[in-house]
N, C-alpha and C. Protein backbone atom coordinates (compact mmCIF):
# COMPACT_ATOMS: atom_id res chain seq x y z
N MET A 1 -48.72 54.44 11.07
CA MET A 1 -49.72 55.55 10.52
C MET A 1 -49.17 56.11 9.19
N ALA A 2 -48.01 56.52 8.91
CA ALA A 2 -47.48 57.13 8.01
C ALA A 2 -47.64 56.65 6.73
N ILE A 3 -47.40 55.14 6.63
CA ILE A 3 -47.65 54.37 5.47
C ILE A 3 -49.20 54.43 5.17
N GLU A 4 -50.06 54.20 6.01
CA GLU A 4 -51.48 54.29 5.77
C GLU A 4 -51.80 55.67 5.33
N ASP A 5 -51.24 56.77 5.89
CA ASP A 5 -51.41 58.02 5.25
C ASP A 5 -51.17 58.18 3.79
N ALA A 6 -49.89 57.45 3.48
CA ALA A 6 -49.40 57.65 2.15
C ALA A 6 -50.44 56.83 1.23
N ALA A 7 -50.77 55.67 1.47
CA ALA A 7 -51.67 54.90 0.80
C ALA A 7 -53.03 55.52 0.60
N ALA A 8 -53.39 56.25 1.70
CA ALA A 8 -54.83 56.97 1.46
C ALA A 8 -54.64 58.21 0.55
N LEU A 9 -53.56 58.80 0.61
CA LEU A 9 -53.40 60.02 -0.23
C LEU A 9 -53.19 59.47 -1.63
N GLY A 10 -52.50 58.35 -1.90
CA GLY A 10 -52.08 57.77 -2.95
C GLY A 10 -53.47 57.55 -3.72
N ILE A 11 -54.51 56.86 -2.98
CA ILE A 11 -55.73 56.81 -3.44
C ILE A 11 -56.47 57.87 -3.91
N ALA A 12 -56.46 58.96 -2.84
CA ALA A 12 -57.05 60.14 -3.06
C ALA A 12 -56.64 60.82 -4.41
N PHE A 13 -55.44 60.82 -4.77
CA PHE A 13 -55.00 61.59 -5.85
C PHE A 13 -54.71 60.64 -7.01
N SER A 14 -55.25 59.41 -7.08
CA SER A 14 -55.16 58.54 -8.07
C SER A 14 -56.10 59.03 -9.39
N THR A 15 -55.78 58.45 -10.42
CA THR A 15 -56.53 59.08 -11.67
C THR A 15 -57.90 58.44 -11.54
N LYS A 16 -58.18 57.51 -10.77
CA LYS A 16 -59.52 57.03 -10.57
C LYS A 16 -60.41 57.84 -9.90
N PHE A 17 -59.88 58.53 -8.86
CA PHE A 17 -60.69 59.33 -7.80
C PHE A 17 -60.50 60.84 -7.87
N PHE A 18 -59.35 61.12 -8.32
CA PHE A 18 -58.82 62.50 -8.30
C PHE A 18 -59.67 63.40 -9.66
N LYS A 19 -60.49 64.43 -9.34
CA LYS A 19 -61.03 65.06 -10.32
C LYS A 19 -60.47 66.53 -10.68
N GLY A 20 -59.29 66.69 -9.93
CA GLY A 20 -58.65 67.96 -10.34
C GLY A 20 -58.77 68.94 -9.20
N ASN A 21 -59.38 68.83 -8.30
CA ASN A 21 -59.64 69.72 -7.15
C ASN A 21 -58.79 69.28 -5.86
N ILE A 22 -57.79 69.78 -5.79
CA ILE A 22 -56.96 69.54 -4.62
C ILE A 22 -57.41 69.56 -3.34
N GLU A 23 -58.29 70.63 -3.12
CA GLU A 23 -59.00 70.98 -1.71
C GLU A 23 -60.00 70.01 -1.54
N GLU A 24 -60.80 69.36 -2.60
CA GLU A 24 -61.69 68.37 -2.35
C GLU A 24 -61.12 67.03 -2.02
N ALA A 25 -60.04 66.74 -2.65
CA ALA A 25 -59.09 65.48 -2.57
C ALA A 25 -58.79 65.42 -0.99
N LEU A 26 -58.14 66.48 -0.54
CA LEU A 26 -57.56 66.45 0.97
C LEU A 26 -58.91 66.40 1.75
N ALA A 27 -59.88 67.28 1.39
CA ALA A 27 -61.20 66.90 2.44
C ALA A 27 -61.46 65.57 2.47
N VAL A 28 -61.55 64.82 1.34
CA VAL A 28 -62.12 63.38 1.37
C VAL A 28 -61.09 62.70 2.26
N TYR A 29 -59.72 62.89 2.05
CA TYR A 29 -58.63 62.24 2.65
C TYR A 29 -58.88 62.33 4.25
N GLN A 30 -59.07 63.48 4.65
CA GLN A 30 -59.16 64.02 6.02
C GLN A 30 -60.49 63.33 6.73
N ASP A 31 -61.49 63.20 5.83
CA ASP A 31 -62.73 62.53 6.37
C ASP A 31 -62.56 61.01 6.58
N VAL A 32 -61.85 60.43 5.68
CA VAL A 32 -61.58 59.08 5.76
C VAL A 32 -60.66 58.77 6.90
N ARG A 33 -59.41 59.59 6.91
CA ARG A 33 -58.42 59.24 7.87
C ARG A 33 -58.79 59.56 9.32
N LEU A 34 -59.45 60.70 9.44
CA LEU A 34 -59.71 61.10 10.86
C LEU A 34 -60.26 60.02 11.90
N PRO A 35 -61.24 59.32 11.59
CA PRO A 35 -61.67 58.35 12.58
C PRO A 35 -60.64 57.27 12.90
N ARG A 36 -60.09 56.86 11.95
CA ARG A 36 -58.89 55.71 12.36
C ARG A 36 -57.65 56.21 13.13
N VAL A 37 -57.33 57.68 12.70
CA VAL A 37 -56.02 58.25 13.36
C VAL A 37 -56.67 58.64 14.91
N THR A 38 -57.88 59.06 15.01
CA THR A 38 -58.38 59.32 16.37
C THR A 38 -58.18 57.98 17.33
N ARG A 39 -58.64 56.97 16.77
CA ARG A 39 -58.95 55.72 17.55
C ARG A 39 -57.35 55.16 17.75
N VAL A 40 -56.52 55.23 16.84
CA VAL A 40 -55.09 54.73 17.04
C VAL A 40 -54.42 55.57 18.03
N GLN A 41 -54.48 56.99 17.97
CA GLN A 41 -53.94 57.92 18.89
C GLN A 41 -54.58 57.69 20.27
N SER A 42 -55.84 57.43 20.49
CA SER A 42 -56.67 57.11 21.78
C SER A 42 -55.94 55.93 22.29
N ALA A 43 -56.00 54.83 21.38
CA ALA A 43 -55.34 53.40 21.94
C ALA A 43 -53.93 53.59 22.45
N ALA A 44 -53.15 54.41 21.80
CA ALA A 44 -51.62 54.57 22.25
C ALA A 44 -51.74 55.39 23.48
N ALA A 45 -52.57 56.40 23.70
CA ALA A 45 -52.56 57.07 24.92
C ALA A 45 -52.98 56.16 26.17
N LYS A 46 -53.87 55.48 25.92
CA LYS A 46 -54.37 54.50 26.93
C LYS A 46 -53.29 53.44 27.12
N ALA A 47 -52.51 52.95 26.17
CA ALA A 47 -51.49 52.02 26.47
C ALA A 47 -50.51 52.65 27.14
N ALA A 48 -49.95 53.98 27.06
CA ALA A 48 -49.19 54.46 27.64
C ALA A 48 -49.32 54.75 29.12
N TYR A 49 -50.53 55.15 29.30
CA TYR A 49 -51.14 55.33 30.58
C TYR A 49 -51.17 53.85 31.59
N ASN A 50 -51.54 52.86 30.69
CA ASN A 50 -51.86 51.72 31.54
C ASN A 50 -50.65 50.67 31.35
N ILE A 51 -49.45 51.00 31.01
CA ILE A 51 -48.44 50.18 30.65
C ILE A 51 -48.20 49.11 31.73
N ASN A 52 -48.26 49.41 33.10
CA ASN A 52 -48.04 48.46 34.09
C ASN A 52 -49.13 47.40 33.96
N GLU A 53 -50.34 47.81 33.85
CA GLU A 53 -51.41 46.68 33.86
C GLU A 53 -51.27 45.79 32.41
N ARG A 54 -50.80 46.53 31.41
CA ARG A 54 -50.79 45.84 30.14
C ARG A 54 -49.68 44.63 30.13
N ILE A 55 -48.52 44.83 30.69
CA ILE A 55 -47.38 44.05 30.78
C ILE A 55 -46.95 43.49 32.17
N GLY A 56 -47.73 43.79 33.09
CA GLY A 56 -47.68 43.23 34.31
C GLY A 56 -46.66 44.08 35.26
N ARG A 57 -47.00 43.93 36.64
CA ARG A 57 -46.33 45.00 37.56
C ARG A 57 -44.84 44.47 37.73
N ASN A 58 -44.63 43.31 37.48
CA ASN A 58 -43.17 42.96 37.50
C ASN A 58 -42.27 43.19 36.38
N PHE A 59 -42.67 44.12 35.54
CA PHE A 59 -42.00 44.44 34.38
C PHE A 59 -40.61 45.24 34.89
N ALA A 60 -40.55 46.16 35.81
CA ALA A 60 -39.39 46.78 36.27
C ALA A 60 -38.29 45.75 36.88
N SER A 61 -38.81 44.80 37.58
CA SER A 61 -37.96 43.92 38.21
C SER A 61 -37.48 42.86 37.20
N LEU A 62 -38.22 42.44 36.16
CA LEU A 62 -37.67 41.77 34.98
C LEU A 62 -36.61 42.56 34.30
N MET A 63 -36.80 43.86 34.19
CA MET A 63 -35.74 44.69 33.36
C MET A 63 -34.41 44.75 34.27
N GLU A 64 -34.64 44.94 35.59
CA GLU A 64 -33.50 44.89 36.44
C GLU A 64 -32.74 43.53 36.36
N ALA A 65 -33.43 42.61 36.38
CA ALA A 65 -32.74 41.21 36.31
C ALA A 65 -32.11 41.05 35.16
N ARG A 66 -32.48 41.44 33.91
CA ARG A 66 -31.86 41.60 32.73
C ARG A 66 -30.42 42.33 32.70
N ALA A 67 -30.68 43.51 33.17
CA ALA A 67 -29.50 44.41 33.24
C ALA A 67 -28.31 43.61 34.05
N LEU A 68 -28.77 42.93 34.99
CA LEU A 68 -27.78 42.25 36.04
C LEU A 68 -27.20 41.09 35.23
N THR A 69 -28.01 40.52 34.51
CA THR A 69 -27.67 39.38 33.65
C THR A 69 -26.47 39.85 32.58
N ARG A 70 -26.90 41.07 31.95
CA ARG A 70 -25.90 41.44 31.00
C ARG A 70 -24.64 41.90 31.63
N GLN A 71 -24.82 42.55 32.78
CA GLN A 71 -23.40 42.78 33.45
C GLN A 71 -22.78 41.52 33.73
N ASP A 72 -23.32 40.62 34.23
CA ASP A 72 -22.67 39.20 34.46
C ASP A 72 -21.78 38.64 33.10
N SER A 73 -22.63 38.93 32.07
CA SER A 73 -22.03 38.25 30.80
C SER A 73 -20.81 39.14 30.51
N ARG A 74 -20.70 40.36 30.61
CA ARG A 74 -19.61 41.17 30.42
C ARG A 74 -18.40 40.79 31.23
N LYS A 75 -18.52 39.91 32.14
CA LYS A 75 -17.50 39.59 33.01
C LYS A 75 -16.80 38.45 32.47
N ILE A 76 -17.45 37.64 31.46
CA ILE A 76 -16.91 36.45 31.02
C ILE A 76 -15.67 37.08 29.97
N PRO A 77 -14.52 36.52 30.23
CA PRO A 77 -13.33 36.94 29.42
C PRO A 77 -13.67 36.81 27.84
N THR A 78 -13.34 37.97 27.21
CA THR A 78 -13.19 37.92 25.71
C THR A 78 -11.92 38.36 25.15
N SER A 79 -11.84 38.07 23.84
CA SER A 79 -10.56 38.28 23.19
C SER A 79 -10.38 39.76 22.81
N PRO A 80 -9.60 40.46 23.08
CA PRO A 80 -9.57 41.93 22.63
C PRO A 80 -9.39 41.89 21.01
N LEU A 81 -8.66 40.89 20.45
CA LEU A 81 -8.64 40.92 18.95
C LEU A 81 -9.80 40.50 18.27
N THR A 82 -10.59 39.46 18.53
CA THR A 82 -11.69 39.27 17.95
C THR A 82 -13.13 39.64 18.72
N ARG A 83 -13.00 40.22 19.88
CA ARG A 83 -14.13 40.56 20.70
C ARG A 83 -15.00 39.31 20.70
N SER A 84 -14.39 38.16 20.88
CA SER A 84 -15.15 36.98 20.88
C SER A 84 -14.88 36.19 22.26
N ARG A 85 -15.72 35.43 22.50
CA ARG A 85 -15.39 34.54 23.74
C ARG A 85 -14.50 33.44 23.47
N THR A 86 -14.23 33.25 22.20
CA THR A 86 -13.47 32.07 21.90
C THR A 86 -11.89 32.72 21.92
N SER A 87 -10.90 31.96 22.32
CA SER A 87 -9.60 32.48 22.53
C SER A 87 -8.94 32.30 21.05
N GLU A 88 -7.87 33.21 21.04
CA GLU A 88 -7.02 33.09 19.88
C GLU A 88 -6.48 31.69 19.65
N THR A 89 -6.10 31.04 20.58
CA THR A 89 -5.33 29.74 20.79
C THR A 89 -6.75 28.70 20.16
N SER A 90 -7.59 28.82 20.46
CA SER A 90 -8.92 28.04 19.95
C SER A 90 -9.07 28.41 18.42
N LEU A 91 -8.96 29.60 18.24
CA LEU A 91 -9.07 29.97 16.75
C LEU A 91 -8.10 29.42 15.86
N ARG A 92 -6.87 29.44 16.27
CA ARG A 92 -5.87 28.92 15.47
C ARG A 92 -5.83 27.55 15.44
N LEU A 93 -6.41 26.79 16.27
CA LEU A 93 -6.55 25.38 16.25
C LEU A 93 -7.61 25.09 15.09
N ARG A 94 -8.49 25.81 14.90
CA ARG A 94 -9.77 25.51 13.97
C ARG A 94 -9.23 25.59 12.55
N LYS A 95 -8.14 26.29 12.29
CA LYS A 95 -7.81 26.47 10.93
C LYS A 95 -7.20 25.20 10.28
């Protein structure tokens, strides 16, 4: 939304459209932007309210499964020197 606002302000204050009256330019900007901003804010509010319906009721269980998977992957030994799952011996052999 901020990028759209900046673009709209850029057009409103461009030499092609700006007639020197700041209040008039801002009023036109508001008249142009208000319907779009209202639609986007309304859609965002509905999306936040209906998040379970939009992405599925199993979302929480999927997130729990991913968290468990991440915890399991932390148990894989890593090298403190390289923070890699490749051992120092293996790295030395690659040189």
